[in-house]
């Protein structure tokens, strides 16, 4: 196990393993190539690991969308209890893996996290279900970042998910090395602008928590702060909130920037706010000023580098 890499659960077929019902795979090259450079995957294939073999008869969900049954398509075998029993044991095992998230296989009756087809008593499908294993996993790990490979094609959802797993990994590293009041205050301080880009309300509430960190039981505080952190980052950053953060960051240069530099920065921020340029453009200029004027506070802000630039997550307009 590489302790420098983020550990993610993943549906095995997305890694290119031929474990699907038809003996094929659903290899996703972004996940194994680009993102795979920074993460260590823990593969899970519910149907294969549950003992149904490869190849196998196809499954589908039927009945109540809230608690559908897992049925074989042709022989009409009800495999729900078997899958649920296995899944409950598997999530217990996964507690030991220190996961920072999970990437599910979309549309799968076992691993789909949303909009999985559920067939009613007339044999008509509605995209209202959740795969059996995915449901049990998300109930067991309610705060853990999760996505499916289909949704990760959306650049906004992709950035949000990856931002969360990197933040959770930083939090876990802090907790394992220096979970002191000073460590918590430093973590919160360095994430200020990132949190403001997602949820100013959460940031303010978390600030009140941190201000009274010495009054908390340590374990209770760490659990409550982690919950607030993940809930805050789950809120999508918007163009308006990013614009506010960029303007806020400019305030740290009020005595350094020349009139021309201020005008240039404001113009670039306005272009981003108008949708003309991607977030990367004002960020590059901001980072230039951070280096030029050696702005110590902004240097430590994870907002400027919440994930590796090689992932190119802030390039979309």
Protein backbone atom coordinates (compact mmCIF):
# COMPACT_ATOMS: atom_id res chain seq x y z
CA UNK A 1 0.00 0.00 0.00
CA UNK A 2 1.37 3.41 -1.01
CA UNK A 3 0.59 5.73 1.89
CA UNK A 4 1.26 8.78 -0.29
CA UNK A 5 -1.68 7.95 -2.53
CA UNK A 6 -5.38 8.51 -1.90
CA UNK A 7 -7.24 5.24 -1.45
CA UNK A 8 -10.46 4.94 -3.42
CA UNK A 9 -12.92 2.12 -3.74
CA UNK A 10 -13.94 1.40 -7.32
CA UNK A 11 -16.09 -0.98 -9.31
CA UNK A 12 -13.61 -3.55 -10.61
CA UNK A 13 -14.80 -3.48 -14.22
CA UNK A 14 -13.79 0.20 -14.50
CA UNK A 15 -10.17 -0.88 -14.09
CA UNK A 16 -10.41 -3.07 -17.19
CA UNK A 17 -10.97 -6.37 -15.39
CA UNK A 18 -13.30 -8.75 -17.25
CA UNK A 19 -15.74 -9.37 -14.42
CA UNK A 20 -19.04 -8.23 -15.93
CA UNK A 21 -21.94 -10.59 -16.51
CA UNK A 22 -20.99 -10.97 -20.17
CA UNK A 23 -17.29 -11.48 -19.47
CA UNK A 24 -16.36 -7.97 -20.58
CA UNK A 25 -15.17 -4.84 -18.80
CA UNK A 26 -15.90 -1.11 -18.77
CA UNK A 27 -12.36 0.23 -18.67
CA UNK A 28 -12.27 3.98 -17.96
CA UNK A 29 -8.91 5.40 -19.05
CA UNK A 30 -9.26 8.67 -17.16
CA UNK A 31 -9.66 6.74 -13.93
CA UNK A 32 -6.80 4.33 -14.53
CA UNK A 33 -4.51 6.75 -16.34
CA UNK A 34 -4.90 10.40 -15.34
CA UNK A 35 -6.49 10.04 -11.90
CA UNK A 36 -4.77 6.71 -11.32
CA UNK A 37 -1.44 8.51 -10.96
CA UNK A 38 -2.63 9.98 -7.66
CA UNK A 39 -4.82 7.26 -6.17
CA UNK A 40 -4.60 3.65 -5.11
CA UNK A 41 -7.73 1.71 -5.99
CA UNK A 42 -9.49 -0.89 -3.88
CA UNK A 43 -11.54 -2.85 -6.45
CA UNK A 44 -14.94 -4.29 -5.61
CA UNK A 45 -17.20 -6.31 -7.92
CA UNK A 46 -20.31 -7.24 -5.92
CA UNK A 47 -21.74 -9.82 -8.31
CA UNK A 48 -18.43 -11.59 -8.91
CA UNK A 49 -17.29 -11.46 -5.28
CA UNK A 50 -20.72 -12.64 -4.15
CA UNK A 51 -20.04 -15.85 -6.04
CA UNK A 52 -22.13 -15.55 -9.19
CA UNK A 53 -19.23 -16.22 -11.53
CA UNK A 54 -18.12 -14.83 -14.89
CA UNK A 55 -19.94 -14.97 -17.23
CA UNK A 56 -23.29 -15.10 -15.41
CA UNK A 57 -26.94 -14.49 -15.99
CA UNK A 58 -27.82 -10.82 -16.04
CA UNK A 59 -29.61 -9.21 -13.07
CA UNK A 60 -32.15 -6.45 -12.82
CA UNK A 61 -33.96 -4.64 -10.01
CA UNK A 62 -37.70 -5.17 -9.59
CA UNK A 63 -40.49 -4.00 -7.31
CA UNK A 64 -40.41 -1.18 -4.76
CA UNK A 65 -37.84 1.45 -5.85
CA UNK A 66 -36.99 2.06 -2.18
CA UNK A 67 -36.18 -1.60 -1.54
CA UNK A 68 -36.13 -3.40 -4.89
CA UNK A 69 -35.40 -7.08 -5.34
CA UNK A 70 -32.35 -8.30 -7.27
CA UNK A 71 -33.68 -10.78 -9.81
CA UNK A 72 -32.03 -12.86 -12.54
CA UNK A 73 -33.54 -11.86 -15.87
CA UNK A 74 -34.26 -15.30 -17.38
CA UNK A 75 -34.48 -17.87 -14.59
CA UNK A 76 -36.26 -15.45 -12.20
CA UNK A 77 -34.13 -16.22 -9.15
CA UNK A 78 -34.38 -13.75 -6.26
CA UNK A 79 -30.79 -13.04 -5.15
CA UNK A 80 -31.52 -10.05 -2.93
CA UNK A 81 -30.84 -11.66 0.46
CA UNK A 82 -27.62 -13.21 -0.75
CA UNK A 83 -26.35 -9.89 -2.14
CA UNK A 84 -27.40 -7.87 0.91
CA UNK A 85 -25.76 -10.33 3.30
CA UNK A 86 -22.51 -10.22 1.32
CA UNK A 87 -22.62 -6.42 0.98
CA UNK A 88 -23.08 -5.84 4.71
CA UNK A 89 -20.04 -7.99 5.42
CA UNK A 90 -18.00 -6.33 2.66
CA UNK A 91 -18.56 -2.78 3.92
CA UNK A 92 -17.32 -3.92 7.33
CA UNK A 93 -14.13 -5.11 5.63
CA UNK A 94 -13.82 -1.82 3.76
CA UNK A 95 -13.68 0.09 7.05
CA UNK A 96 -10.08 -1.10 7.33
CA UNK A 97 -9.11 0.30 3.91
CA UNK A 98 -9.08 4.01 4.92
CA UNK A 99 -11.04 4.96 1.82
CA UNK A 100 -11.46 8.60 0.83
CA UNK A 101 -14.25 7.83 -1.64
CA UNK A 102 -15.80 5.33 -4.04
CA UNK A 103 -16.41 5.33 -7.80
CA UNK A 104 -19.37 3.13 -8.75
CA UNK A 105 -20.40 1.62 -12.08
CA UNK A 106 -23.37 3.58 -13.38
CA UNK A 107 -26.68 1.83 -14.14
CA UNK A 108 -25.59 -1.40 -12.43
CA UNK A 109 -28.25 -3.26 -10.37
CA UNK A 110 -25.58 -3.92 -7.76
CA UNK A 111 -23.27 -0.89 -8.04
CA UNK A 112 -25.28 1.99 -9.55
CA UNK A 113 -25.49 4.93 -7.14
CA UNK A 114 -28.57 6.54 -8.72
CA UNK A 115 -31.06 6.32 -11.60
CA UNK A 116 -30.79 2.54 -11.89
CA UNK A 117 -33.68 0.91 -13.75
CA UNK A 118 -36.30 -0.67 -11.48
CA UNK A 119 -38.95 -2.75 -13.23
CA UNK A 120 -42.51 -2.52 -11.93
CA UNK A 121 -45.10 -5.32 -11.85
CA UNK A 122 -45.97 -4.57 -15.47
CA UNK A 123 -42.37 -5.05 -16.57
CA UNK A 124 -41.84 -1.35 -17.26
CA UNK A 125 -38.56 0.23 -16.12
CA UNK A 126 -38.21 3.48 -14.21
CA UNK A 127 -34.82 5.05 -13.50
CA UNK A 128 -35.45 5.48 -9.78
CA UNK A 129 -33.29 2.84 -8.12
CA UNK A 130 -29.95 2.40 -6.38
CA UNK A 131 -27.84 -0.73 -6.73
CA UNK A 132 -27.96 -3.12 -3.77
CA UNK A 133 -24.28 -2.83 -2.84
CA UNK A 134 -24.14 0.90 -3.58
CA UNK A 135 -27.09 1.54 -1.26
CA UNK A 136 -25.58 -0.45 1.59
CA UNK A 137 -22.19 1.19 1.07
CA UNK A 138 -23.64 4.72 1.12
CA UNK A 139 -25.74 3.93 4.20
CA UNK A 140 -22.65 2.60 5.97
CA UNK A 141 -20.38 5.50 4.88
CA UNK A 142 -22.86 8.41 4.61
CA UNK A 143 -20.21 11.14 4.43
CA UNK A 144 -17.72 9.49 2.09
CA UNK A 145 -17.50 11.16 -1.36
CA UNK A 146 -19.06 8.91 -4.02
CA UNK A 147 -19.58 9.22 -7.76
CA UNK A 148 -20.07 6.99 -10.77
CA UNK A 149 -17.96 6.99 -13.92
CA UNK A 150 -20.82 8.40 -15.99
CA UNK A 151 -21.31 11.46 -13.80
CA UNK A 152 -17.55 12.02 -13.73
CA UNK A 153 -17.72 12.95 -17.42
CA UNK A 154 -19.35 16.20 -16.24
CA UNK A 155 -16.43 18.59 -15.54
CA UNK A 156 -18.22 20.27 -12.61
CA UNK A 157 -19.05 16.98 -10.90
CA UNK A 158 -15.57 15.66 -11.63
CA UNK A 159 -13.85 18.62 -10.01
CA UNK A 160 -16.18 18.56 -7.01
CA UNK A 161 -15.54 14.87 -6.36
CA UNK A 162 -11.78 15.11 -6.76
CA UNK A 163 -11.62 18.25 -4.64
CA UNK A 164 -13.42 16.38 -1.85
CA UNK A 165 -11.22 13.30 -1.92
CA UNK A 166 -8.03 15.37 -1.82
CA UNK A 167 -9.39 17.48 1.07
CA UNK A 168 -10.44 14.38 3.00
CA UNK A 169 -7.00 12.87 2.46
CA UNK A 170 -5.36 16.04 3.82
CA UNK A 171 -7.69 15.92 6.83
CA UNK A 172 -6.90 12.26 7.49
CA UNK A 173 -3.18 12.98 7.28
CA UNK A 174 -3.53 15.85 9.75
CA UNK A 175 -5.56 13.72 12.17
CA UNK A 176 -3.03 10.91 12.02
CA UNK A 177 -0.04 13.20 12.56
CA UNK A 178 -1.04 16.24 14.64
CA UNK A 179 -4.69 16.27 15.77
CA UNK A 180 -3.96 19.08 18.23
CA UNK A 181 -5.86 22.37 18.50
CA UNK A 182 -2.95 24.02 16.69
CA UNK A 183 -3.14 21.43 13.89
CA UNK A 184 -6.88 21.92 13.52
CA UNK A 185 -6.56 25.72 13.45
CA UNK A 186 -3.84 25.50 10.80
CA UNK A 187 -5.95 23.13 8.68
CA UNK A 188 -8.99 25.39 8.91
CA UNK A 189 -6.97 28.50 8.12
CA UNK A 190 -5.37 26.98 5.03
CA UNK A 191 -8.79 25.88 3.71
CA UNK A 192 -10.52 29.23 4.25
CA UNK A 193 -10.81 30.32 0.61
CA UNK A 194 -11.65 26.83 -0.62
CA UNK A 195 -14.49 26.56 1.89
CA UNK A 196 -15.76 30.04 0.99
CA UNK A 197 -15.92 29.02 -2.68
CA UNK A 198 -18.24 26.17 -1.71
CA UNK A 199 -20.29 27.32 1.25
CA UNK A 200 -19.73 30.55 3.21
CA UNK A 201 -22.39 29.42 5.70
CA UNK A 202 -20.51 26.22 6.48
CA UNK A 203 -17.25 28.14 6.74
CA UNK A 204 -18.70 30.51 9.33
CA UNK A 205 -20.16 27.65 11.36
CA UNK A 206 -16.86 25.76 11.23
CA UNK A 207 -15.04 28.90 12.33
CA UNK A 208 -17.22 29.05 15.44
CA UNK A 209 -16.36 25.41 16.14
CA UNK A 210 -12.63 26.03 15.75
CA UNK A 211 -12.77 29.09 18.01
CA UNK A 212 -13.95 26.81 20.84
CA UNK A 213 -11.86 23.77 19.95
CA UNK A 214 -10.32 23.67 23.45
CA UNK A 215 -13.78 23.25 24.97
CA UNK A 216 -14.53 20.09 22.97
CA UNK A 217 -13.72 16.47 23.60
CA UNK A 218 -11.05 15.75 20.98
CA UNK A 219 -12.78 12.80 19.32
CA UNK A 220 -16.13 14.57 19.24
CA UNK A 221 -14.56 17.65 17.68
CA UNK A 222 -12.66 15.71 15.01
CA UNK A 223 -15.79 13.81 14.02
CA UNK A 224 -17.96 16.93 13.94
CA UNK A 225 -15.43 18.98 12.00
CA UNK A 226 -14.91 16.24 9.43
CA UNK A 227 -18.66 15.99 8.92
CA UNK A 228 -18.90 19.76 8.44
CA UNK A 229 -15.91 19.75 6.07
CA UNK A 230 -17.36 17.10 3.79
CA UNK A 231 -20.83 18.64 3.83
CA UNK A 232 -19.36 22.04 2.97
CA UNK A 233 -17.32 20.77 0.04
CA UNK A 234 -20.27 18.74 -1.25
CA UNK A 235 -21.98 22.08 -1.97
CA UNK A 236 -20.97 22.99 -5.49
CA UNK A 237 -18.70 25.97 -5.97
CA UNK A 238 -20.26 28.47 -8.35
CA UNK A 239 -18.97 31.17 -10.65
CA UNK A 240 -20.42 33.81 -8.32
CA UNK A 241 -18.78 32.34 -5.21
CA UNK A 242 -15.45 31.92 -7.00
CA UNK A 243 -15.68 35.55 -8.09
CA UNK A 244 -16.24 36.66 -4.49
CA UNK A 245 -13.25 34.60 -3.34
CA UNK A 246 -11.00 36.04 -6.04
CA UNK A 247 -12.02 39.57 -5.12
CA UNK A 248 -11.44 38.74 -1.45
CA UNK A 249 -7.97 37.42 -2.29
CA UNK A 250 -7.17 40.71 -4.05
CA UNK A 251 -7.60 42.44 -0.72
CA UNK A 252 -4.37 40.86 0.51
CA UNK A 253 -2.49 42.95 -2.08
CA UNK A 254 -4.07 46.32 -1.32
CA UNK A 255 -0.68 47.90 -0.59
CA UNK A 256 1.30 46.07 -3.29
CA UNK A 257 -0.58 46.06 -6.57
CA UNK A 258 -0.11 49.00 -8.86
CA UNK A 259 -3.14 50.70 -10.39
CA UNK A 260 -2.52 48.86 -13.67
CA UNK A 261 -2.17 45.51 -11.92
CA UNK A 262 -5.40 46.04 -10.00
CA UNK A 263 -7.19 46.98 -13.21
CA UNK A 264 -5.83 43.90 -14.98
CA UNK A 265 -6.82 41.60 -12.13
CA UNK A 266 -10.34 43.03 -11.92
CA UNK A 267 -10.74 42.73 -15.69
CA UNK A 268 -9.67 39.07 -15.66
CA UNK A 269 -12.00 38.31 -12.75
CA UNK A 270 -14.86 40.00 -14.62
CA UNK A 271 -14.14 37.93 -17.73
CA UNK A 272 -14.33 34.77 -15.62
CA UNK A 273 -17.54 35.94 -13.95
CA UNK A 274 -19.05 36.59 -17.38
CA UNK A 275 -18.22 33.07 -18.54
CA UNK A 276 -15.65 34.17 -21.11
CA UNK A 277 -12.65 32.45 -19.51
CA UNK A 278 -12.16 29.43 -17.24
CA UNK A 279 -11.28 29.75 -13.55
CA UNK A 280 -7.70 28.86 -14.40
CA UNK A 281 -7.11 32.27 -16.00
CA UNK A 282 -7.65 34.53 -12.94
CA UNK A 283 -5.99 31.91 -10.75
CA UNK A 284 -2.80 31.95 -12.81
CA UNK A 285 -2.65 35.74 -12.54
CA UNK A 286 -3.38 35.58 -8.81
CA UNK A 287 -0.63 33.01 -8.31
CA UNK A 288 1.74 35.28 -10.24
CA UNK A 289 1.08 38.10 -7.78
CA UNK A 290 1.44 35.72 -4.83
CA UNK A 291 4.93 34.85 -6.03
CA UNK A 292 5.84 38.39 -7.08
CA UNK A 293 4.89 39.95 -3.76
CA UNK A 294 5.64 36.89 -1.61
CA UNK A 295 2.15 36.94 -0.09
CA UNK A 296 2.59 34.56 2.84
CA UNK A 297 -1.09 34.04 3.73
CA UNK A 298 -2.20 33.20 0.20
CA UNK A 299 0.81 30.94 -0.33
CA UNK A 300 -0.65 28.50 2.18
CA UNK A 301 -4.21 28.55 0.79
CA UNK A 302 -5.27 25.22 -0.74
CA UNK A 303 -7.74 27.15 -2.88
CA UNK A 304 -4.89 27.92 -5.25
CA UNK A 305 -3.87 24.26 -5.56
CA UNK A 306 -6.58 21.95 -4.18
CA UNK A 307 -5.49 19.13 -6.51
CA UNK A 308 -2.66 18.51 -8.99
CA UNK A 309 -2.68 20.85 -11.99
CA UNK A 310 -2.07 17.85 -14.25
CA UNK A 311 -5.71 16.85 -13.71
CA UNK A 312 -6.74 20.04 -15.55
CA UNK A 313 -9.93 20.38 -13.53
CA UNK A 314 -10.14 24.17 -13.68
CA UNK A 315 -9.72 24.50 -17.42
CA UNK A 316 -13.42 24.33 -18.32
CA UNK A 317 -15.25 27.59 -18.99
